[in-house]
N, C-alpha and C. Protein backbone atom coordinates (compact mmCIF):
# COMPACT_ATOMS: atom_id res chain seq x y z
N MET A 1 112.84 98.46 120.93
CA MET A 1 113.05 98.40 119.52
C MET A 1 114.49 98.67 119.15
N ALA A 2 115.27 99.28 120.03
CA ALA A 2 116.67 99.56 119.73
C ALA A 2 117.44 98.27 119.53
N LYS A 3 117.06 97.23 120.28
CA LYS A 3 117.73 95.94 120.13
C LYS A 3 117.45 95.34 118.75
N GLN A 4 116.21 95.46 118.27
CA GLN A 4 115.85 94.90 116.98
C GLN A 4 116.56 95.60 115.84
N LYS A 5 116.76 96.90 115.92
CA LYS A 5 117.38 97.63 114.83
C LYS A 5 118.84 97.25 114.67
N SER A 6 119.52 96.84 115.75
CA SER A 6 120.92 96.44 115.64
C SER A 6 121.04 95.01 115.10
N ASP A 7 119.95 94.27 115.09
CA ASP A 7 119.96 92.90 114.58
C ASP A 7 120.11 92.91 113.06
N PRO A 8 121.03 92.11 112.49
CA PRO A 8 121.23 92.14 111.04
C PRO A 8 120.03 91.62 110.24
N ASN A 9 119.19 90.77 110.82
CA ASN A 9 118.03 90.24 110.09
C ASN A 9 116.85 91.19 110.11
N TYR A 10 116.80 92.12 111.06
CA TYR A 10 115.68 93.06 111.16
C TYR A 10 115.75 94.04 110.00
N LYS A 11 114.66 94.14 109.24
CA LYS A 11 114.65 95.01 108.06
C LYS A 11 113.23 95.52 107.83
N ILE A 12 113.07 96.82 107.76
CA ILE A 12 111.76 97.42 107.49
C ILE A 12 111.48 97.33 106.00
N ILE A 13 110.33 96.76 105.65
CA ILE A 13 109.94 96.59 104.26
C ILE A 13 109.11 97.80 103.80
N ALA A 14 108.05 98.09 104.55
CA ALA A 14 107.16 99.20 104.20
C ALA A 14 106.68 99.86 105.48
N GLU A 15 106.50 101.17 105.42
CA GLU A 15 106.07 101.92 106.58
C GLU A 15 104.95 102.86 106.17
N ASN A 16 103.95 102.97 107.02
CA ASN A 16 102.82 103.87 106.78
C ASN A 16 103.05 105.12 107.62
N ARG A 17 103.84 106.06 107.10
CA ARG A 17 104.18 107.27 107.84
C ARG A 17 102.96 108.18 108.01
N ARG A 18 102.06 108.12 107.08
CA ARG A 18 100.88 108.98 107.09
C ARG A 18 99.91 108.60 108.22
N ALA A 19 99.99 107.35 108.69
CA ALA A 19 99.03 106.87 109.70
C ALA A 19 99.12 107.66 110.99
N ARG A 20 100.31 108.00 111.43
CA ARG A 20 100.45 108.74 112.69
C ARG A 20 99.96 110.18 112.56
N PHE A 21 99.90 110.69 111.33
CA PHE A 21 99.37 112.03 111.12
C PHE A 21 97.86 112.01 111.03
N ASP A 22 97.29 111.01 110.36
CA ASP A 22 95.85 110.95 110.14
C ASP A 22 95.08 110.31 111.29
N TYR A 23 95.75 109.50 112.11
CA TYR A 23 95.07 108.77 113.18
C TYR A 23 95.77 108.97 114.52
N ALA A 24 94.99 108.89 115.59
CA ALA A 24 95.54 108.86 116.94
C ALA A 24 95.66 107.37 117.31
N ILE A 25 96.87 106.86 117.37
CA ILE A 25 97.11 105.45 117.63
C ILE A 25 96.99 105.20 119.13
N GLU A 26 96.03 104.37 119.53
CA GLU A 26 95.83 104.07 120.94
C GLU A 26 96.66 102.88 121.40
N ASP A 27 96.76 101.87 120.55
CA ASP A 27 97.48 100.66 120.91
C ASP A 27 98.01 100.03 119.63
N ASP A 28 99.08 99.25 119.75
CA ASP A 28 99.57 98.56 118.56
C ASP A 28 99.83 97.10 118.89
N LEU A 29 99.91 96.30 117.83
CA LEU A 29 99.99 94.86 117.98
C LEU A 29 100.80 94.28 116.83
N GLU A 30 101.69 93.35 117.13
CA GLU A 30 102.46 92.66 116.10
C GLU A 30 101.73 91.39 115.69
N CYS A 31 101.62 91.16 114.39
CA CYS A 31 100.95 89.94 113.93
C CYS A 31 101.69 89.38 112.72
N GLY A 32 101.53 88.10 112.50
CA GLY A 32 102.11 87.44 111.35
C GLY A 32 101.20 87.60 110.15
N ILE A 33 101.69 87.19 108.99
CA ILE A 33 100.92 87.32 107.76
C ILE A 33 101.18 86.10 106.89
N ILE A 34 100.11 85.58 106.27
CA ILE A 34 100.24 84.41 105.40
C ILE A 34 100.54 84.91 103.99
N LEU A 35 101.69 84.49 103.45
CA LEU A 35 102.13 84.93 102.13
C LEU A 35 102.46 83.75 101.24
N GLN A 36 102.47 84.00 99.93
CA GLN A 36 102.94 83.01 98.96
C GLN A 36 104.43 83.22 98.75
N GLY A 37 105.07 82.24 98.13
CA GLY A 37 106.52 82.31 97.93
C GLY A 37 106.96 83.49 97.10
N SER A 38 106.24 83.80 96.03
CA SER A 38 106.64 84.92 95.19
C SER A 38 106.46 86.25 95.91
N GLU A 39 105.52 86.31 96.86
CA GLU A 39 105.32 87.53 97.64
C GLU A 39 106.51 87.78 98.57
N VAL A 40 107.01 86.72 99.19
CA VAL A 40 108.15 86.86 100.10
C VAL A 40 109.38 87.30 99.31
N LYS A 41 109.59 86.71 98.14
CA LYS A 41 110.75 87.10 97.32
C LYS A 41 110.63 88.55 96.88
N SER A 42 109.44 88.99 96.57
CA SER A 42 109.22 90.37 96.20
C SER A 42 109.48 91.30 97.38
N LEU A 43 109.07 90.88 98.58
CA LEU A 43 109.30 91.69 99.78
C LEU A 43 110.79 91.80 100.10
N ARG A 44 111.55 90.79 99.78
CA ARG A 44 113.00 90.85 100.00
C ARG A 44 113.64 91.94 99.14
N GLU A 45 112.97 92.31 98.06
CA GLU A 45 113.45 93.39 97.19
C GLU A 45 112.85 94.74 97.57
N ASN A 46 112.18 94.83 98.71
CA ASN A 46 111.56 96.07 99.22
C ASN A 46 110.50 96.64 98.29
N SER A 47 109.65 95.81 97.76
CA SER A 47 108.62 96.32 96.86
C SER A 47 107.24 96.06 97.43
N ALA A 48 106.85 96.89 98.40
CA ALA A 48 105.54 96.78 99.02
C ALA A 48 105.05 98.17 99.41
N ASN A 49 103.73 98.29 99.57
CA ASN A 49 103.14 99.56 99.97
C ASN A 49 101.92 99.25 100.84
N ILE A 50 101.89 99.83 102.04
CA ILE A 50 100.76 99.60 102.94
C ILE A 50 100.04 100.91 103.29
N THR A 51 100.32 101.99 102.56
CA THR A 51 99.72 103.27 102.92
C THR A 51 98.21 103.32 102.68
N GLU A 52 97.71 102.67 101.62
CA GLU A 52 96.27 102.69 101.36
C GLU A 52 95.55 101.50 101.98
N SER A 53 96.24 100.67 102.71
CA SER A 53 95.62 99.44 103.22
C SER A 53 95.04 99.63 104.61
N TYR A 54 94.22 98.66 105.01
CA TYR A 54 93.64 98.64 106.35
C TYR A 54 93.40 97.18 106.74
N ALA A 55 93.16 96.96 108.01
CA ALA A 55 92.89 95.61 108.50
C ALA A 55 91.43 95.54 108.94
N SER A 56 90.87 94.35 108.81
CA SER A 56 89.46 94.17 109.13
C SER A 56 89.23 92.79 109.73
N VAL A 57 88.31 92.71 110.69
CA VAL A 57 87.91 91.43 111.26
C VAL A 57 86.67 90.98 110.52
N GLU A 58 86.79 89.87 109.78
CA GLU A 58 85.67 89.33 109.01
C GLU A 58 85.54 87.84 109.29
N GLU A 59 84.36 87.41 109.69
CA GLU A 59 84.04 86.01 109.94
C GLU A 59 85.02 85.36 110.91
N GLY A 60 85.38 86.08 111.96
CA GLY A 60 86.25 85.54 112.99
C GLY A 60 87.71 85.46 112.61
N GLU A 61 88.13 86.14 111.55
CA GLU A 61 89.52 86.15 111.12
C GLU A 61 89.94 87.58 110.82
N LEU A 62 91.24 87.85 110.95
CA LEU A 62 91.78 89.17 110.69
C LEU A 62 92.42 89.19 109.31
N TRP A 63 92.08 90.21 108.50
CA TRP A 63 92.55 90.29 107.11
C TRP A 63 93.21 91.63 106.85
N LEU A 64 94.26 91.62 106.05
CA LEU A 64 94.86 92.84 105.52
C LEU A 64 94.25 93.07 104.14
N ILE A 65 93.61 94.22 103.97
CA ILE A 65 92.90 94.51 102.74
C ILE A 65 93.61 95.65 102.00
N ASN A 66 93.78 95.48 100.71
CA ASN A 66 94.35 96.48 99.81
C ASN A 66 95.84 96.73 100.05
N GLY A 67 96.56 95.79 100.64
CA GLY A 67 98.00 95.91 100.76
C GLY A 67 98.66 95.53 99.44
N TYR A 68 99.62 96.32 98.98
CA TYR A 68 100.23 96.09 97.68
C TYR A 68 101.59 95.43 97.83
N ILE A 69 101.78 94.30 97.17
CA ILE A 69 103.09 93.66 97.04
C ILE A 69 103.33 93.49 95.55
N ALA A 70 104.42 94.10 95.07
CA ALA A 70 104.71 94.11 93.64
C ALA A 70 104.91 92.70 93.12
N PRO A 71 104.60 92.45 91.85
CA PRO A 71 104.82 91.11 91.29
C PRO A 71 106.31 90.81 91.19
N TYR A 72 106.64 89.56 91.40
CA TYR A 72 108.03 89.11 91.31
C TYR A 72 108.30 88.69 89.87
N GLU A 73 109.26 89.33 89.24
CA GLU A 73 109.50 89.14 87.81
C GLU A 73 109.82 87.69 87.43
N GLN A 74 110.60 86.99 88.25
CA GLN A 74 111.01 85.63 87.91
C GLN A 74 109.88 84.61 88.09
N ALA A 75 108.79 85.00 88.75
CA ALA A 75 107.67 84.08 88.97
C ALA A 75 106.52 84.45 88.04
N LYS A 76 106.74 84.38 86.76
CA LYS A 76 105.71 84.79 85.80
C LYS A 76 104.54 83.82 85.77
N THR A 77 104.83 82.53 85.74
CA THR A 77 103.77 81.53 85.64
C THR A 77 102.98 81.40 86.93
N TRP A 78 103.69 81.30 88.06
CA TRP A 78 103.03 81.13 89.35
C TRP A 78 103.20 82.37 90.21
N GLY A 79 102.84 83.49 89.67
CA GLY A 79 102.95 84.75 90.40
C GLY A 79 101.82 84.90 91.40
N HIS A 80 101.65 86.09 91.89
CA HIS A 80 100.60 86.37 92.86
C HIS A 80 99.82 87.60 92.43
N GLU A 81 98.63 87.74 93.01
CA GLU A 81 97.80 88.91 92.78
C GLU A 81 98.32 90.03 93.69
N GLU A 82 98.52 91.23 93.14
CA GLU A 82 99.18 92.30 93.89
C GLU A 82 98.37 92.79 95.09
N ARG A 83 97.07 92.96 94.94
CA ARG A 83 96.26 93.55 96.00
C ARG A 83 95.23 92.57 96.58
N ARG A 84 95.60 91.33 96.72
CA ARG A 84 94.66 90.35 97.27
C ARG A 84 94.54 90.52 98.79
N LYS A 85 93.46 89.97 99.35
CA LYS A 85 93.29 89.96 100.80
C LYS A 85 94.28 88.96 101.38
N ARG A 86 94.98 89.36 102.44
CA ARG A 86 95.96 88.48 103.08
C ARG A 86 95.56 88.26 104.53
N LYS A 87 95.57 87.01 104.94
CA LYS A 87 95.17 86.66 106.30
C LYS A 87 96.28 87.01 107.28
N LEU A 88 95.90 87.61 108.40
CA LEU A 88 96.84 87.97 109.45
C LEU A 88 96.69 86.99 110.61
N LEU A 89 97.79 86.67 111.25
CA LEU A 89 97.81 85.67 112.31
C LEU A 89 97.92 86.33 113.67
N VAL A 90 96.87 86.18 114.47
CA VAL A 90 96.85 86.68 115.85
C VAL A 90 96.16 85.63 116.72
N SER A 91 96.36 85.75 118.03
CA SER A 91 95.69 84.82 118.94
C SER A 91 94.21 85.19 119.06
N LYS A 92 93.41 84.25 119.54
CA LYS A 92 91.97 84.50 119.68
C LYS A 92 91.69 85.63 120.66
N LYS A 93 92.50 85.73 121.69
CA LYS A 93 92.33 86.79 122.68
C LYS A 93 92.58 88.17 122.05
N GLU A 94 93.66 88.27 121.27
CA GLU A 94 93.96 89.53 120.59
C GLU A 94 92.91 89.87 119.54
N LEU A 95 92.43 88.84 118.83
CA LEU A 95 91.39 89.04 117.82
C LEU A 95 90.12 89.58 118.47
N ALA A 96 89.73 89.03 119.61
CA ALA A 96 88.53 89.50 120.31
C ALA A 96 88.71 90.94 120.77
N ARG A 97 89.90 91.27 121.24
CA ARG A 97 90.18 92.63 121.70
C ARG A 97 90.08 93.62 120.53
N MET A 98 90.61 93.23 119.36
CA MET A 98 90.55 94.10 118.19
C MET A 98 89.12 94.25 117.67
N TRP A 99 88.37 93.16 117.69
CA TRP A 99 87.00 93.24 117.23
C TRP A 99 86.19 94.17 118.12
N ASN A 100 86.39 94.06 119.45
CA ASN A 100 85.70 94.95 120.39
C ASN A 100 86.11 96.41 120.16
N ALA A 101 87.38 96.64 119.87
CA ALA A 101 87.86 98.01 119.65
C ALA A 101 87.26 98.61 118.38
N THR A 102 87.11 97.81 117.33
CA THR A 102 86.57 98.35 116.08
C THR A 102 85.07 98.59 116.17
N GLN A 103 84.39 97.97 117.10
CA GLN A 103 82.96 98.19 117.25
C GLN A 103 82.66 99.52 117.92
N ARG A 104 83.66 100.08 118.63
CA ARG A 104 83.48 101.41 119.22
C ARG A 104 83.45 102.46 118.13
N LYS A 105 82.89 103.61 118.44
CA LYS A 105 82.72 104.66 117.43
C LYS A 105 84.07 105.22 116.98
N GLY A 106 84.27 105.20 115.67
CA GLY A 106 85.45 105.84 115.09
C GLY A 106 86.75 105.07 115.14
N MET A 107 86.75 103.85 115.65
CA MET A 107 88.00 103.08 115.76
C MET A 107 88.21 102.24 114.51
N THR A 108 89.47 102.11 114.11
CA THR A 108 89.81 101.31 112.94
C THR A 108 91.17 100.64 113.16
N LEU A 109 91.49 99.67 112.34
CA LEU A 109 92.78 98.96 112.42
C LEU A 109 93.64 99.43 111.25
N VAL A 110 94.76 100.05 111.58
CA VAL A 110 95.62 100.65 110.57
C VAL A 110 96.98 99.96 110.60
N PRO A 111 97.47 99.44 109.46
CA PRO A 111 98.82 98.88 109.42
C PRO A 111 99.86 100.00 109.54
N LEU A 112 100.83 99.82 110.42
CA LEU A 112 101.85 100.84 110.65
C LEU A 112 103.16 100.50 109.95
N VAL A 113 103.67 99.28 110.18
CA VAL A 113 104.97 98.89 109.64
C VAL A 113 104.93 97.42 109.23
N MET A 114 105.53 97.11 108.08
CA MET A 114 105.74 95.73 107.67
C MET A 114 107.25 95.51 107.67
N TYR A 115 107.71 94.43 108.32
CA TYR A 115 109.14 94.22 108.46
C TYR A 115 109.48 92.74 108.59
N PHE A 116 110.76 92.43 108.39
CA PHE A 116 111.30 91.11 108.68
C PHE A 116 111.82 91.17 110.11
N ASN A 117 111.39 90.23 110.96
CA ASN A 117 111.87 90.22 112.34
C ASN A 117 113.24 89.55 112.43
N HIS A 118 113.75 89.34 113.63
CA HIS A 118 115.09 88.79 113.81
C HIS A 118 115.23 87.36 113.30
N LYS A 119 114.10 86.65 113.13
CA LYS A 119 114.14 85.29 112.58
C LYS A 119 113.98 85.27 111.07
N GLY A 120 113.77 86.42 110.47
CA GLY A 120 113.58 86.50 109.04
C GLY A 120 112.14 86.28 108.59
N LEU A 121 111.18 86.34 109.53
CA LEU A 121 109.76 86.19 109.21
C LEU A 121 109.13 87.56 108.98
N VAL A 122 108.16 87.62 108.08
CA VAL A 122 107.47 88.88 107.80
C VAL A 122 106.44 89.12 108.89
N LYS A 123 106.50 90.28 109.50
CA LYS A 123 105.55 90.68 110.54
C LYS A 123 104.93 92.02 110.14
N LEU A 124 103.73 92.25 110.67
CA LEU A 124 103.01 93.48 110.40
C LEU A 124 102.58 94.07 111.73
N LYS A 125 102.91 95.33 111.97
CA LYS A 125 102.47 96.00 113.19
C LYS A 125 101.20 96.77 112.86
N ILE A 126 100.14 96.46 113.60
CA ILE A 126 98.83 97.07 113.38
C ILE A 126 98.50 97.96 114.57
N GLY A 127 97.98 99.14 114.28
CA GLY A 127 97.58 100.06 115.32
C GLY A 127 96.06 100.15 115.42
N ILE A 128 95.56 100.15 116.66
CA ILE A 128 94.13 100.40 116.89
C ILE A 128 94.02 101.92 117.02
N ALA A 129 93.35 102.53 116.04
CA ALA A 129 93.42 103.98 115.91
C ALA A 129 92.05 104.62 115.79
N LYS A 130 92.04 105.91 116.09
CA LYS A 130 90.84 106.73 115.92
C LYS A 130 91.22 107.88 115.00
N GLY A 131 90.39 108.14 114.01
CA GLY A 131 90.67 109.18 113.03
C GLY A 131 90.72 110.56 113.66
N LYS A 132 91.68 111.38 113.21
CA LYS A 132 91.80 112.75 113.72
C LYS A 132 90.97 113.69 112.85
N LYS A 133 90.46 114.72 113.48
CA LYS A 133 89.79 115.79 112.75
C LYS A 133 90.85 116.77 112.24
N ASN A 134 90.47 117.69 111.37
CA ASN A 134 91.42 118.64 110.80
C ASN A 134 92.08 119.51 111.87
N HIS A 135 91.31 119.95 112.88
CA HIS A 135 91.89 120.80 113.91
C HIS A 135 92.88 120.01 114.77
N ASP A 136 92.66 118.70 114.96
CA ASP A 136 93.61 117.87 115.69
C ASP A 136 94.91 117.73 114.91
N LYS A 137 94.80 117.59 113.59
CA LYS A 137 95.99 117.47 112.74
C LYS A 137 96.81 118.76 112.79
N ARG A 138 96.12 119.90 112.76
CA ARG A 138 96.83 121.18 112.82
C ARG A 138 97.52 121.34 114.17
N ALA A 139 96.87 120.92 115.25
CA ALA A 139 97.46 121.04 116.58
C ALA A 139 98.70 120.16 116.71
N SER A 140 98.62 118.94 116.20
CA SER A 140 99.79 118.06 116.30
C SER A 140 100.93 118.57 115.42
N GLU A 141 100.61 119.18 114.28
CA GLU A 141 101.65 119.76 113.42
C GLU A 141 102.30 120.96 114.09
N ALA A 142 101.51 121.80 114.76
CA ALA A 142 102.05 122.96 115.46
C ALA A 142 102.94 122.51 116.63
N GLU A 143 102.52 121.46 117.33
CA GLU A 143 103.33 120.94 118.43
C GLU A 143 104.65 120.37 117.93
N ARG A 144 104.62 119.68 116.80
CA ARG A 144 105.84 119.12 116.22
C ARG A 144 106.79 120.25 115.79
N ASP A 145 106.23 121.31 115.19
CA ASP A 145 107.06 122.46 114.78
C ASP A 145 107.68 123.15 116.00
N TRP A 146 106.89 123.29 117.08
CA TRP A 146 107.39 123.93 118.28
C TRP A 146 108.52 123.09 118.89
N ASN A 147 108.36 121.78 118.93
CA ASN A 147 109.42 120.93 119.48
C ASN A 147 110.69 121.03 118.64
N ARG A 148 110.54 121.10 117.33
CA ARG A 148 111.69 121.26 116.44
C ARG A 148 112.41 122.59 116.70
N GLN A 149 111.61 123.65 116.85
CA GLN A 149 112.18 124.98 117.09
C GLN A 149 112.84 125.04 118.47
N LYS A 150 112.21 124.40 119.46
CA LYS A 150 112.75 124.37 120.82
C LYS A 150 114.10 123.66 120.84
N ALA A 151 114.19 122.53 120.13
CA ALA A 151 115.46 121.79 120.06
C ALA A 151 116.53 122.63 119.38
N ARG A 152 116.15 123.37 118.33
CA ARG A 152 117.10 124.24 117.64
C ARG A 152 117.61 125.34 118.56
N LEU A 153 116.70 125.95 119.35
CA LEU A 153 117.10 127.02 120.27
C LEU A 153 118.00 126.49 121.38
N LEU A 154 117.69 125.31 121.91
CA LEU A 154 118.53 124.73 122.96
C LEU A 154 119.91 124.37 122.42
N LYS A 155 119.95 123.95 121.18
CA LYS A 155 121.24 123.59 120.57
C LYS A 155 122.10 124.84 120.37
N GLU A 156 121.48 125.96 119.98
CA GLU A 156 122.22 127.20 119.76
C GLU A 156 122.68 127.82 121.07
N GLY A 157 121.77 127.86 122.05
CA GLY A 157 122.05 128.59 123.30
C GLY A 157 122.66 127.73 124.31
């Protein structure tokens, strides 16, 4: 990913920072997304939110549900619906793998990052995740605090 960040076209649009705290991410996958023209123009202005959204396999297709893309002001007549279902593009093999993963107990598809790749196309990184319990969240928070304190002590000493 270090190579992508130095690329001038690579740009993060929206990030779901809460996902890594609430879920244990087992695997992640990059997929394309079908958008309308006004949605792409709105995304170029960094007006999107994927924190409340999730992905779902329905009728043999992968969908992003409840993802928010703000309306584009200049497209008043032919605008878009802010929270419509958006189709995600993955191969049949990846779709089958995700469907099998979601059928297991407690697994879900969580959007992690929406970004423009090096070609200027909108991509969405989806994580196959399992929900954390409260004690797991506290343990990961304690571990993060300990690592922060350890780095501070090593820097001082």
